[in-house]
PDB file of N, CA and C in Angstrom:
ATOM      1  N   MET A   1      -1.675  11.075 -10.646  1.00  0.00           N
ATOM      2  CA  MET A   1      -1.412  10.063  -9.610  1.00  0.00           C
ATOM      3  C   MET A   1      -2.569   9.384  -9.261  1.00  0.00           C
ATOM      4  N   LEU A   2      -2.516   8.139  -9.307  1.00  0.00           N
ATOM      5  CA  LEU A   2      -3.777   7.328  -8.680  1.00  0.00           C
ATOM      6  C   LEU A   2      -3.830   7.249  -7.175  1.00  0.00           C
ATOM      7  N   ALA A   3      -4.922   7.123  -6.636  1.00  0.00           N
ATOM      8  CA  ALA A   3      -5.193   7.052  -5.281  1.00  0.00           C
ATOM      9  C   ALA A   3      -6.089   5.940  -4.870  1.00  0.00           C
ATOM     10  N   VAL A   4      -5.741   5.008  -3.970  1.00  0.00           N
ATOM     11  CA  VAL A   4      -6.500   3.871  -3.685  1.00  0.00           C
ATOM     12  C   VAL A   4      -6.751   3.781  -2.248  1.00  0.00           C
ATOM     13  N   SER A   5      -7.901   3.652  -1.743  1.00  0.00           N
ATOM     14  CA  SER A   5      -8.116   3.539  -0.316  1.00  0.00           C
ATOM     15  C   SER A   5      -8.457   2.035   0.053  1.00  0.00           C
ATOM     16  N   ALA A   6      -8.141   1.498   1.081  1.00  0.00           N
ATOM     17  CA  ALA A   6      -8.342   0.109   1.425  1.00  0.00           C
ATOM     18  C   ALA A   6      -8.916  -0.148   2.841  1.00  0.00           C
ATOM     19  N   PRO A   7     -10.354   0.038   3.017  1.00  0.00           N
ATOM     20  CA  PRO A   7     -10.900  -0.098   4.308  1.00  0.00           C
ATOM     21  C   PRO A   7     -10.948  -1.500   4.810  1.00  0.00           C
ATOM     22  N   GLY A   8     -11.092  -2.488   3.922  1.00  0.00           N
ATOM     23  CA  GLY A   8     -11.173  -3.918   4.304  1.00  0.00           C
ATOM     24  C   GLY A   8     -10.097  -4.785   3.889  1.00  0.00           C
ATOM     25  N   GLN A   9     -10.391  -6.013   4.029  1.00  0.00           N
ATOM     26  CA  GLN A   9      -9.376  -7.011   3.797  1.00  0.00           C
ATOM     27  C   GLN A   9      -9.425  -7.662   2.307  1.00  0.00           C
ATOM     28  N   ASP A  10     -10.425  -7.206   1.568  1.00  0.00           N
ATOM     29  CA  ASP A  10     -10.685  -7.806   0.341  1.00  0.00           C
ATOM     30  C   ASP A  10      -9.687  -7.294  -0.770  1.00  0.00           C
ATOM     31  N   SER A  11      -9.525  -8.007  -1.810  1.00  0.00           N
ATOM     32  CA  SER A  11      -8.395  -7.758  -2.753  1.00  0.00           C
ATOM     33  C   SER A  11      -9.024  -6.515  -3.589  1.00  0.00           C
ATOM     34  N   LYS A  12      -8.002  -5.649  -3.951  1.00  0.00           N
ATOM     35  CA  LYS A  12      -8.530  -4.464  -4.817  1.00  0.00           C
ATOM     36  C   LYS A  12      -7.606  -4.478  -6.139  1.00  0.00           C
ATOM     37  N   GLY A  13      -8.245  -3.910  -7.298  1.00  0.00           N
ATOM     38  CA  GLY A  13      -7.526  -3.888  -8.486  1.00  0.00           C
ATOM     39  C   GLY A  13      -6.911  -2.428  -8.797  1.00  0.00           C
ATOM     40  N   ILE A  14      -5.713  -2.455  -9.239  1.00  0.00           N
ATOM     41  CA  ILE A  14      -5.089  -1.217  -9.524  1.00  0.00           C
ATOM     42  C   ILE A  14      -4.585  -1.343 -11.007  1.00  0.00           C
ATOM     43  N   THR A  15      -4.922  -0.375 -11.865  1.00  0.00           N
ATOM     44  CA  THR A  15      -4.324  -0.382 -13.205  1.00  0.00           C
ATOM     45  C   THR A  15      -3.547   0.925 -13.351  1.00  0.00           C
ATOM     46  N   ALA A  16      -2.268   0.754 -13.652  1.00  0.00           N
ATOM     47  CA  ALA A  16      -1.375   1.884 -13.784  1.00  0.00           C
ATOM     48  C   ALA A  16      -0.661   1.889 -15.157  1.00  0.00           C
ATOM     49  N   THR A  17      -0.209   2.950 -15.543  1.00  0.00           N
ATOM     50  CA  THR A  17       0.609   3.086 -16.749  1.00  0.00           C
ATOM     51  C   THR A  17       2.063   3.079 -16.321  1.00  0.00           C
ATOM     52  N   ASN A  18       2.809   2.305 -17.154  1.00  0.00           N
ATOM     53  CA  ASN A  18       4.242   2.289 -16.871  1.00  0.00           C
ATOM     54  C   ASN A  18       4.929   3.728 -16.741  1.00  0.00           C
ATOM     55  N   GLY A  19       5.619   4.002 -15.547  1.00  0.00           N
ATOM     56  CA  GLY A  19       6.071   5.221 -15.157  1.00  0.00           C
ATOM     57  C   GLY A  19       5.289   6.056 -14.145  1.00  0.00           C
ATOM     58  N   GLN A  20       3.925   5.540 -14.184  1.00  0.00           N
ATOM     59  CA  GLN A  20       3.065   6.363 -13.083  1.00  0.00           C
ATOM     60  C   GLN A  20       3.188   5.997 -11.828  1.00  0.00           C
ATOM     61  N   GLU A  21       2.953   6.895 -10.801  1.00  0.00           N
ATOM     62  CA  GLU A  21       3.031   6.575  -9.513  1.00  0.00           C
ATOM     63  C   GLU A  21       1.649   6.565  -8.951  1.00  0.00           C
ATOM     64  N   PHE A  22       1.360   5.752  -7.922  1.00  0.00           N
ATOM     65  CA  PHE A  22      -0.015   5.577  -7.302  1.00  0.00           C
ATOM     66  C   PHE A  22       0.221   5.455  -5.825  1.00  0.00           C
ATOM     67  N   LYS A  23      -0.853   5.833  -5.111  1.00  0.00           N
ATOM     68  CA  LYS A  23      -0.763   5.686  -3.672  1.00  0.00           C
ATOM     69  C   LYS A  23      -1.829   4.814  -3.055  1.00  0.00           C
ATOM     70  N   VAL A  24      -1.569   4.138  -2.004  1.00  0.00           N
ATOM     71  CA  VAL A  24      -2.582   3.352  -1.393  1.00  0.00           C
ATOM     72  C   VAL A  24      -2.639   3.800   0.138  1.00  0.00           C
ATOM     73  N   THR A  25      -3.797   4.088   0.454  1.00  0.00           N
ATOM     74  CA  THR A  25      -3.973   4.844   1.884  1.00  0.00           C
ATOM     75  C   THR A  25      -4.752   3.706   2.720  1.00  0.00           C
ATOM     76  N   LEU A  26      -4.366   3.442   3.948  1.00  0.00           N
ATOM     77  CA  LEU A  26      -4.712   2.484   4.772  1.00  0.00           C
ATOM     78  C   LEU A  26      -5.005   3.118   6.241  1.00  0.00           C
ATOM     79  N   ALA A  27      -6.045   2.806   6.951  1.00  0.00           N
ATOM     80  CA  ALA A  27      -6.320   3.307   8.294  1.00  0.00           C
ATOM     81  C   ALA A  27      -5.253   2.787   9.280  1.00  0.00           C
ATOM     82  N   ALA A  28      -4.675   3.389  10.150  1.00  0.00           N
ATOM     83  CA  ALA A  28      -3.621   3.022  11.046  1.00  0.00           C
ATOM     84  C   ALA A  28      -3.607   3.773  12.247  1.00  0.00           C
ATOM     85  N   ASN A  29      -3.081   3.120  13.330  1.00  0.00           N
ATOM     86  CA  ASN A  29      -2.847   3.714  14.587  1.00  0.00           C
ATOM     87  C   ASN A  29      -1.744   3.184  15.174  1.00  0.00           C
ATOM     88  N   PRO A  30      -0.462   3.814  15.015  1.00  0.00           N
ATOM     89  CA  PRO A  30       0.793   3.242  15.636  1.00  0.00           C
ATOM     90  C   PRO A  30       0.885   3.385  17.110  1.00  0.00           C
ATOM     91  N   THR A  31      -0.024   4.132  17.811  1.00  0.00           N
ATOM     92  CA  THR A  31      -0.046   4.139  19.196  1.00  0.00           C
ATOM     93  C   THR A  31      -0.248   2.761  19.803  1.00  0.00           C
ATOM     94  N   THR A  32      -0.976   1.947  18.980  1.00  0.00           N
ATOM     95  CA  THR A  32      -1.379   0.614  19.523  1.00  0.00           C
ATOM     96  C   THR A  32      -0.161  -0.399  19.264  1.00  0.00           C
ATOM     97  N   GLY A  33       0.893  -0.032  18.541  1.00  0.00           N
ATOM     98  CA  GLY A  33       1.980  -0.900  18.238  1.00  0.00           C
ATOM     99  C   GLY A  33       1.844  -1.481  16.917  1.00  0.00           C
ATOM    100  N   TYR A  34       0.692  -1.375  16.327  1.00  0.00           N
ATOM    101  CA  TYR A  34       0.574  -1.906  14.937  1.00  0.00           C
ATOM    102  C   TYR A  34       1.072  -1.036  13.879  1.00  0.00           C
ATOM    103  N   SER A  35       1.487  -1.547  12.753  1.00  0.00           N
ATOM    104  CA  SER A  35       1.948  -0.867  11.530  1.00  0.00           C
ATOM    105  C   SER A  35       1.809  -1.654  10.336  1.00  0.00           C
ATOM    106  N   TRP A  36       1.566  -1.042   9.163  1.00  0.00           N
ATOM    107  CA  TRP A  36       1.509  -1.663   7.952  1.00  0.00           C
ATOM    108  C   TRP A  36       2.882  -2.045   7.390  1.00  0.00           C
ATOM    109  N   ALA A  37       3.062  -3.277   6.839  1.00  0.00           N
ATOM    110  CA  ALA A  37       4.302  -3.620   6.299  1.00  0.00           C
ATOM    111  C   ALA A  37       4.061  -4.566   5.023  1.00  0.00           C
ATOM    112  N   LEU A  38       4.964  -4.687   4.107  1.00  0.00           N
ATOM    113  CA  LEU A  38       4.837  -5.501   3.034  1.00  0.00           C
ATOM    114  C   LEU A  38       4.660  -7.060   3.464  1.00  0.00           C
ATOM    115  N   ALA A  39       3.691  -7.851   3.105  1.00  0.00           N
ATOM    116  CA  ALA A  39       3.493  -9.134   3.490  1.00  0.00           C
ATOM    117  C   ALA A  39       4.397 -10.085   2.739  1.00  0.00           C
ATOM    118  N   LYS A  40       4.894  -9.575   1.695  1.00  0.00           N
ATOM    119  CA  LYS A  40       5.824 -10.291   0.798  1.00  0.00           C
ATOM    120  C   LYS A  40       6.680  -9.320  -0.132  1.00  0.00           C
ATOM    121  N   PRO A  41       7.833  -9.754  -0.576  1.00  0.00           N
ATOM    122  CA  PRO A  41       8.516  -8.833  -1.383  1.00  0.00           C
ATOM    123  C   PRO A  41       7.778  -8.422  -2.683  1.00  0.00           C
ATOM    124  N   LEU A  42       8.132  -7.253  -3.189  1.00  0.00           N
ATOM    125  CA  LEU A  42       7.502  -6.698  -4.260  1.00  0.00           C
ATOM    126  C   LEU A  42       8.192  -7.347  -5.498  1.00  0.00           C
ATOM    127  N   ASP A  43       7.526  -7.467  -6.738  1.00  0.00           N
ATOM    128  CA  ASP A  43       8.143  -7.822  -7.985  1.00  0.00           C
ATOM    129  C   ASP A  43       8.591  -6.497  -8.448  1.00  0.00           C
ATOM    130  N   GLU A  44       9.821  -6.119  -8.138  1.00  0.00           N
ATOM    131  CA  GLU A  44      10.333  -4.916  -8.499  1.00  0.00           C
ATOM    132  C   GLU A  44      10.669  -4.725 -10.007  1.00  0.00           C
ATOM    133  N   LYS A  45      10.269  -5.721 -10.809  1.00  0.00           N
ATOM    134  CA  LYS A  45      10.429  -5.593 -12.351  1.00  0.00           C
ATOM    135  C   LYS A  45       9.130  -4.859 -12.691  1.00  0.00           C
ATOM    136  N   ILE A  46       8.185  -4.924 -11.846  1.00  0.00           N
ATOM    137  CA  ILE A  46       6.987  -4.184 -12.244  1.00  0.00           C
ATOM    138  C   ILE A  46       6.508  -3.036 -11.465  1.00  0.00           C
ATOM    139  N   VAL A  47       6.693  -3.147 -10.134  1.00  0.00           N
ATOM    140  CA  VAL A  47       6.387  -2.032  -9.272  1.00  0.00           C
ATOM    141  C   VAL A  47       7.402  -1.866  -8.135  1.00  0.00           C
ATOM    142  N   LYS A  48       7.777  -0.635  -7.740  1.00  0.00           N
ATOM    143  CA  LYS A  48       8.611  -0.235  -6.670  1.00  0.00           C
ATOM    144  C   LYS A  48       7.987   0.448  -5.674  1.00  0.00           C
ATOM    145  N   CYS A  49       8.364   0.407  -4.433  1.00  0.00           N
ATOM    146  CA  CYS A  49       7.895   1.233  -3.290  1.00  0.00           C
ATOM    147  C   CYS A  49       8.726   2.509  -3.422  1.00  0.00           C
ATOM    148  N   VAL A  50       7.931   3.829  -3.397  1.00  0.00           N
ATOM    149  CA  VAL A  50       8.798   5.091  -3.423  1.00  0.00           C
ATOM    150  C   VAL A  50       8.872   5.576  -1.954  1.00  0.00           C
ATOM    151  N   THR A  51       7.624   5.544  -1.378  1.00  0.00           N
ATOM    152  CA  THR A  51       7.569   6.065   0.134  1.00  0.00           C
ATOM    153  C   THR A  51       6.655   5.284   0.877  1.00  0.00           C
ATOM    154  N   ASN A  52       6.675   5.442   2.187  1.00  0.00           N
ATOM    155  CA  ASN A  52       5.775   4.799   3.109  1.00  0.00           C
ATOM    156  C   ASN A  52       5.754   5.815   4.329  1.00  0.00           C
ATOM    157  N   GLU A  53       4.621   6.464   4.605  1.00  0.00           N
ATOM    158  CA  GLU A  53       4.573   7.375   5.601  1.00  0.00           C
ATOM    159  C   GLU A  53       3.277   7.288   6.408  1.00  0.00           C
ATOM    160  N   TYR A  54       3.252   7.713   7.653  1.00  0.00           N
ATOM    161  CA  TYR A  54       2.056   7.850   8.459  1.00  0.00           C
ATOM    162  C   TYR A  54       1.620   9.208   8.585  1.00  0.00           C
ATOM    163  N   VAL A  55       0.302   9.451   8.382  1.00  0.00           N
ATOM    164  CA  VAL A  55      -0.315  10.879   8.435  1.00  0.00           C
ATOM    165  C   VAL A  55      -1.270  10.788   9.612  1.00  0.00           C
ATOM    166  N   ARG A  56      -1.121  11.627  10.548  1.00  0.00           N
ATOM    167  CA  ARG A  56      -2.021  11.792  11.484  1.00  0.00           C
ATOM    168  C   ARG A  56      -3.355  12.487  11.152  1.00  0.00           C
ATOM    169  N   SER A  57      -4.491  12.090  11.773  1.00  0.00           N
ATOM    170  CA  SER A  57      -5.733  12.572  11.539  1.00  0.00           C
ATOM    171  C   SER A  57      -5.755  13.911  12.265  1.00  0.00           C
ATOM    172  N   ALA A  58      -6.612  14.882  11.818  1.00  0.00           N
ATOM    173  CA  ALA A  58      -6.845  16.211  12.568  1.00  0.00           C
ATOM    174  C   ALA A  58      -8.170  16.185  13.290  1.00  0.00           C
ATOM    175  N   PRO A  59      -8.255  16.539  14.566  1.00  0.00           N
ATOM    176  CA  PRO A  59      -7.270  17.127  15.338  1.00  0.00           C
ATOM    177  C   PRO A  59      -6.373  15.989  15.730  1.00  0.00           C
ATOM    178  N   GLN A  60      -5.241  16.348  16.098  1.00  0.00           N
ATOM    179  CA  GLN A  60      -4.176  15.483  16.591  1.00  0.00           C
ATOM    180  C   GLN A  60      -4.198  15.115  18.036  1.00  0.00           C
ATOM    181  N   LEU A  61      -5.130  14.258  18.354  1.00  0.00           N
ATOM    182  CA  LEU A  61      -5.494  13.934  19.744  1.00  0.00           C
ATOM    183  C   LEU A  61      -4.483  12.605  20.207  1.00  0.00           C
ATOM    184  N   ILE A  62      -4.096  12.731  21.347  1.00  0.00           N
ATOM    185  CA  ILE A  62      -3.122  11.429  21.874  1.00  0.00           C
ATOM    186  C   ILE A  62      -4.061  10.235  21.651  1.00  0.00           C
ATOM    187  N   GLY A  63      -3.473   9.240  21.057  1.00  0.00           N
ATOM    188  CA  GLY A  63      -3.996   7.995  20.867  1.00  0.00           C
ATOM    189  C   GLY A  63      -4.891   7.871  19.597  1.00  0.00           C
ATOM    190  N   SER A  64      -5.154   8.933  19.037  1.00  0.00           N
ATOM    191  CA  SER A  64      -6.067   8.917  17.805  1.00  0.00           C
ATOM    192  C   SER A  64      -5.279   8.252  16.616  1.00  0.00           C
ATOM    193  N   GLY A  65      -5.956   7.788  15.700  1.00  0.00           N
ATOM    194  CA  GLY A  65      -5.443   7.100  14.546  1.00  0.00           C
ATOM    195  C   GLY A  65      -5.247   8.006  13.339  1.00  0.00           C
ATOM    196  N   GLY A  66      -4.734   7.543  12.277  1.00  0.00           N
ATOM    197  CA  GLY A  66      -4.566   8.399  11.047  1.00  0.00           C
ATOM    198  C   GLY A  66      -4.482   7.410   9.899  1.00  0.00           C
ATOM    199  N   THR A  67      -3.650   7.732   8.957  1.00  0.00           N
ATOM    200  CA  THR A  67      -3.530   6.849   7.723  1.00  0.00           C
ATOM    201  C   THR A  67      -2.090   6.522   7.472  1.00  0.00           C
ATOM    202  N   ALA A  68      -1.951   5.338   6.913  1.00  0.00           N
ATOM    203  CA  ALA A  68      -0.497   4.982   6.322  1.00  0.00           C
ATOM    204  C   ALA A  68      -0.658   5.093   4.841  1.00  0.00           C
ATOM    205  N   VAL A  69       0.301   5.929   4.321  1.00  0.00           N
ATOM    206  CA  VAL A  69       0.153   6.255   2.813  1.00  0.00           C
ATOM    207  C   VAL A  69       1.263   5.769   2.211  1.00  0.00           C
ATOM    208  N   TRP A  70       1.101   4.737   1.307  1.00  0.00           N
ATOM    209  CA  TRP A  70       2.184   4.012   0.611  1.00  0.00           C
ATOM    210  C   TRP A  70       2.136   4.627  -0.807  1.00  0.00           C
ATOM    211  N   THR A  71       3.222   4.967  -1.293  1.00  0.00           N
ATOM    212  CA  THR A  71       3.461   5.467  -2.694  1.00  0.00           C
ATOM    213  C   THR A  71       4.334   4.463  -3.477  1.00  0.00           C
ATOM    214  N   PHE A  72       3.718   3.982  -4.538  1.00  0.00           N
ATOM    215  CA  PHE A  72       4.489   2.971  -5.430  1.00  0.00           C
ATOM    216  C   PHE A  72       4.633   3.565  -6.941  1.00  0.00           C
ATOM    217  N   LYS A  73       5.506   3.091  -7.631  1.00  0.00           N
ATOM    218  CA  LYS A  73       5.831   3.443  -8.949  1.00  0.00           C
ATOM    219  C   LYS A  73       5.763   2.249  -9.978  1.00  0.00           C
ATOM    220  N   ALA A  74       5.069   2.399 -10.975  1.00  0.00           N
ATOM    221  CA  ALA A  74       4.872   1.184 -12.036  1.00  0.00           C
ATOM    222  C   ALA A  74       6.156   1.463 -12.920  1.00  0.00           C
ATOM    223  N   VAL A  75       7.027   0.369 -12.936  1.00  0.00           N
ATOM    224  CA  VAL A  75       8.293   0.523 -13.605  1.00  0.00           C
ATOM    225  C   VAL A  75       8.448  -0.499 -14.682  1.00  0.00           C
ATOM    226  N   GLY A  76       7.514  -1.393 -14.857  1.00  0.00           N
ATOM    227  CA  GLY A  76       7.499  -2.497 -15.954  1.00  0.00           C
ATOM    228  C   GLY A  76       6.144  -2.968 -16.210  1.00  0.00           C
ATOM    229  N   GLU A  77       5.939  -3.266 -17.530  1.00  0.00           N
ATOM    230  CA  GLU A  77       4.532  -3.743 -17.840  1.00  0.00           C
ATOM    231  C   GLU A  77       4.526  -5.122 -17.196  1.00  0.00           C
ATOM    232  N   GLY A  78       3.147  -5.610 -16.825  1.00  0.00           N
ATOM    233  CA  GLY A  78       2.854  -6.799 -16.356  1.00  0.00           C
ATOM    234  C   GLY A  78       1.804  -6.868 -15.377  1.00  0.00           C
ATOM    235  N   LYS A  79       1.719  -7.957 -14.663  1.00  0.00           N
ATOM    236  CA  LYS A  79       0.733  -8.121 -13.593  1.00  0.00           C
ATOM    237  C   LYS A  79       1.532  -8.586 -12.275  1.00  0.00           C
ATOM    238  N   THR A  80       1.077  -8.141 -11.164  1.00  0.00           N
ATOM    239  CA  THR A  80       1.738  -8.528  -9.876  1.00  0.00           C
ATOM    240  C   THR A  80       0.673  -8.343  -8.751  1.00  0.00           C
ATOM    241  N   GLU A  81       1.126  -8.506  -7.536  1.00  0.00           N
ATOM    242  CA  GLU A  81       0.221  -8.283  -6.387  1.00  0.00           C
ATOM    243  C   GLU A  81       1.121  -7.637  -5.244  1.00  0.00           C
ATOM    244  N   ILE A  82       0.342  -6.641  -4.666  1.00  0.00           N
ATOM    245  CA  ILE A  82       0.926  -5.961  -3.431  1.00  0.00           C
ATOM    246  C   ILE A  82       0.279  -6.495  -2.267  1.00  0.00           C
ATOM    247  N   GLY A  83       0.931  -7.071  -1.357  1.00  0.00           N
ATOM    248  CA  GLY A  83       0.224  -7.629  -0.275  1.00  0.00           C
ATOM    249  C   GLY A  83       0.864  -6.977   1.064  1.00  0.00           C
ATOM    250  N   LEU A  84      -0.041  -6.273   1.901  1.00  0.00           N
ATOM    251  CA  LEU A  84       0.254  -5.646   2.997  1.00  0.00           C
ATOM    252  C   LEU A  84      -0.368  -6.293   4.161  1.00  0.00           C
ATOM    253  N   LYS A  85       0.317  -6.233   5.415  1.00  0.00           N
ATOM    254  CA  LYS A  85      -0.163  -6.646   6.633  1.00  0.00           C
ATOM    255  C   LYS A  85      -0.041  -5.645   7.650  1.00  0.00           C
ATOM    256  N   TYR A  86      -0.979  -5.666   8.568  1.00  0.00           N
ATOM    257  CA  TYR A  86      -1.027  -4.831   9.772  1.00  0.00           C
ATOM    258  C   TYR A  86      -0.787  -5.677  10.965  1.00  0.00           C
ATOM    259  N   ALA A  87       0.552  -5.440  11.454  1.00  0.00           N
ATOM    260  CA  ALA A  87       0.924  -6.224  12.528  1.00  0.00           C
ATOM    261  C   ALA A  87       1.855  -5.540  13.485  1.00  0.00           C
ATOM    262  N   ARG A  88       2.108  -6.096  14.669  1.00  0.00           N
ATOM    263  CA  ARG A  88       3.203  -5.615  15.565  1.00  0.00           C
ATOM    264  C   ARG A  88       4.518  -6.262  15.219  1.00  0.00           C
ATOM    265  N   PRO A  89       5.487  -5.588  14.851  1.00  0.00           N
ATOM    266  CA  PRO A  89       6.684  -6.157  14.155  1.00  0.00           C
ATOM    267  C   PRO A  89       7.419  -7.106  15.152  1.00  0.00           C
ATOM    268  N   TRP A  90       7.264  -6.963  16.525  1.00  0.00           N
ATOM    269  CA  TRP A  90       8.080  -7.771  17.466  1.00  0.00           C
ATOM    270  C   TRP A  90       7.179  -9.142  17.664  1.00  0.00           C
ATOM    271  N   GLU A  91       5.928  -9.169  17.342  1.00  0.00           N
ATOM    272  CA  GLU A  91       5.284 -10.413  17.438  1.00  0.00           C
ATOM    273  C   GLU A  91       5.419 -11.394  16.195  1.00  0.00           C
ATOM    274  N   THR A  92       6.303 -12.450  16.438  1.00  0.00           N
ATOM    275  CA  THR A  92       6.651 -13.113  15.281  1.00  0.00           C
ATOM    276  C   THR A  92       5.666 -14.284  14.956  1.00  0.00           C
ATOM    277  N   ASN A  93       5.144 -14.909  15.870  1.00  0.00           N
ATOM    278  CA  ASN A  93       4.283 -16.075  15.662  1.00  0.00           C
ATOM    279  C   ASN A  93       2.690 -15.805  15.844  1.00  0.00           C
ATOM    280  N   VAL A  94       2.291 -14.649  15.442  1.00  0.00           N
ATOM    281  CA  VAL A  94       1.057 -14.176  15.649  1.00  0.00           C
ATOM    282  C   VAL A  94       0.428 -13.695  14.245  1.00  0.00           C
ATOM    283  N   ALA A  95      -0.617 -14.071  13.884  1.00  0.00           N
ATOM    284  CA  ALA A  95      -1.249 -13.633  12.689  1.00  0.00           C
ATOM    285  C   ALA A  95      -1.527 -12.130  12.725  1.00  0.00           C
ATOM    286  N   PRO A  96      -1.262 -11.472  11.584  1.00  0.00           N
ATOM    287  CA  PRO A  96      -1.608 -10.119  11.480  1.00  0.00           C
ATOM    288  C   PRO A  96      -2.996  -9.685  11.982  1.00  0.00           C
ATOM    289  N   ALA A  97      -3.277  -8.571  12.341  1.00  0.00           N
ATOM    290  CA  ALA A  97      -4.448  -8.176  12.720  1.00  0.00           C
ATOM    291  C   ALA A  97      -5.382  -7.869  11.483  1.00  0.00           C
ATOM    292  N   ARG A  98      -4.721  -7.435  10.414  1.00  0.00           N
ATOM    293  CA  ARG A  98      -5.573  -7.233   9.240  1.00  0.00           C
ATOM    294  C   ARG A  98      -4.528  -7.488   7.970  1.00  0.00           C
ATOM    295  N   THR A  99      -5.007  -7.900   6.860  1.00  0.00           N
ATOM    296  CA  THR A  99      -4.234  -7.919   5.609  1.00  0.00           C
ATOM    297  C   THR A  99      -5.056  -7.369   4.460  1.00  0.00           C
ATOM    298  N   THR A 100      -4.409  -6.939   3.460  1.00  0.00           N
ATOM    299  CA  THR A 100      -5.108  -6.529   2.222  1.00  0.00           C
ATOM    300  C   THR A 100      -4.170  -6.713   1.055  1.00  0.00           C
ATOM    301  N   ASN A 101      -4.736  -7.058   0.016  1.00  0.00           N
ATOM    302  CA  ASN A 101      -4.009  -7.428  -1.164  1.00  0.00           C
ATOM    303  C   ASN A 101      -4.460  -6.405  -2.420  1.00  0.00           C
ATOM    304  N   PHE A 102      -3.645  -6.191  -3.115  1.00  0.00           N
ATOM    305  CA  PHE A 102      -3.855  -5.453  -4.401  1.00  0.00           C
ATOM    306  C   PHE A 102      -3.408  -6.141  -5.662  1.00  0.00           C
ATOM    307  N   ALA A 103      -4.277  -6.248  -6.655  1.00  0.00           N
ATOM    308  CA  ALA A 103      -3.831  -6.915  -7.983  1.00  0.00           C
ATOM    309  C   ALA A 103      -3.516  -5.749  -8.738  1.00  0.00           C
ATOM    310  N   VAL A 104      -2.091  -5.581  -9.283  1.00  0.00           N
ATOM    311  CA  VAL A 104      -1.712  -4.474 -10.049  1.00  0.00           C
ATOM    312  C   VAL A 104      -1.554  -4.953 -11.437  1.00  0.00           C
ATOM    313  N   VAL A 105      -1.892  -4.160 -12.433  1.00  0.00           N
ATOM    314  CA  VAL A 105      -1.703  -4.414 -13.856  1.00  0.00           C
ATOM    315  C   VAL A 105      -1.031  -3.082 -14.292  1.00  0.00           C
ATOM    316  N   VAL A 106       0.075  -3.227 -14.894  1.00  0.00           N
ATOM    317  CA  VAL A 106       0.877  -2.164 -15.360  1.00  0.00           C
ATOM    318  C   VAL A 106       0.861  -2.229 -17.071  1.00  0.00           C
ATOM    319  N   LEU A 107       0.179  -1.144 -17.640  1.00  0.00           N
ATOM    320  CA  LEU A 107       0.195  -1.021 -18.992  1.00  0.00           C
ATOM    321  C   LEU A 107       1.223  -0.256 -19.627  1.00  0.00           C
ATOM    322  N   ALA A 108       1.456  -0.449 -20.994  1.00  0.00           N
ATOM    323  CA  ALA A 108       2.538   0.484 -21.658  1.00  0.00           C
ATOM    324  C   ALA A 108       1.718   1.830 -21.734  1.00  0.00           C
ATOM    325  N   PRO A 109       2.448   2.849 -21.873  1.00  0.00           N
ATOM    326  CA  PRO A 109       1.905   4.223 -21.981  1.00  0.00           C
ATOM    327  C   PRO A 109       1.315   4.375 -23.324  1.00  0.00           C
ATOM    328  N   LYS A 110       0.155   5.126 -23.408  1.00  0.00           N
ATOM    329  CA  LYS A 110      -0.544   5.271 -24.789  1.00  0.00           C
ATOM    330  C   LYS A 110       0.207   6.212 -25.542  1.00  0.00           C
ATOM    331  N   LEU A 111       0.379   6.019 -26.781  1.00  0.00           N
ATOM    332  CA  LEU A 111       0.927   6.764 -27.708  1.00  0.00           C
ATOM    333  C   LEU A 111       0.201   7.839 -28.261  1.00  0.00           C
ATOM    334  N   ASP A 112       0.475   9.012 -28.281  1.00  0.00           N
ATOM    335  CA  ASP A 112      -0.361  10.149 -28.953  1.00  0.00           C
ATOM    336  C   ASP A 112      -0.257  10.160 -30.416  1.00  0.00           C
ATOM    337  N   LYS A 113      -1.279  10.237 -31.098  1.00  0.00           N
ATOM    338  CA  LYS A 113      -1.255  10.251 -32.527  1.00  0.00           C
ATOM    339  C   LYS A 113      -1.473  11.614 -33.190  1.00  0.00           C
TER     340      LYS A 113
END
């Protein structure tokens, strides 16, 4: 399984093999009301979201942050982009506090000879 961390707002590249799962880990702190969400729908012919969970940092202090862990699965060959935004869901006309984008390339599995 691939693992990618995204500390900033710049675009990242991910290369996966069709059928492979990969994780994106982002700093988060839901006690502030902010959470990570998809900025736009996924191209589900190429990649699908498997899970999205929040993992608290240790030690688990009140108000301390953790990480949002998104697990995706490559389901078809091609190129796409995963866009995520860090925002408060109830604030509709406010720009996200952070955004990040991942350029994803899904390749055919290598055949063993």
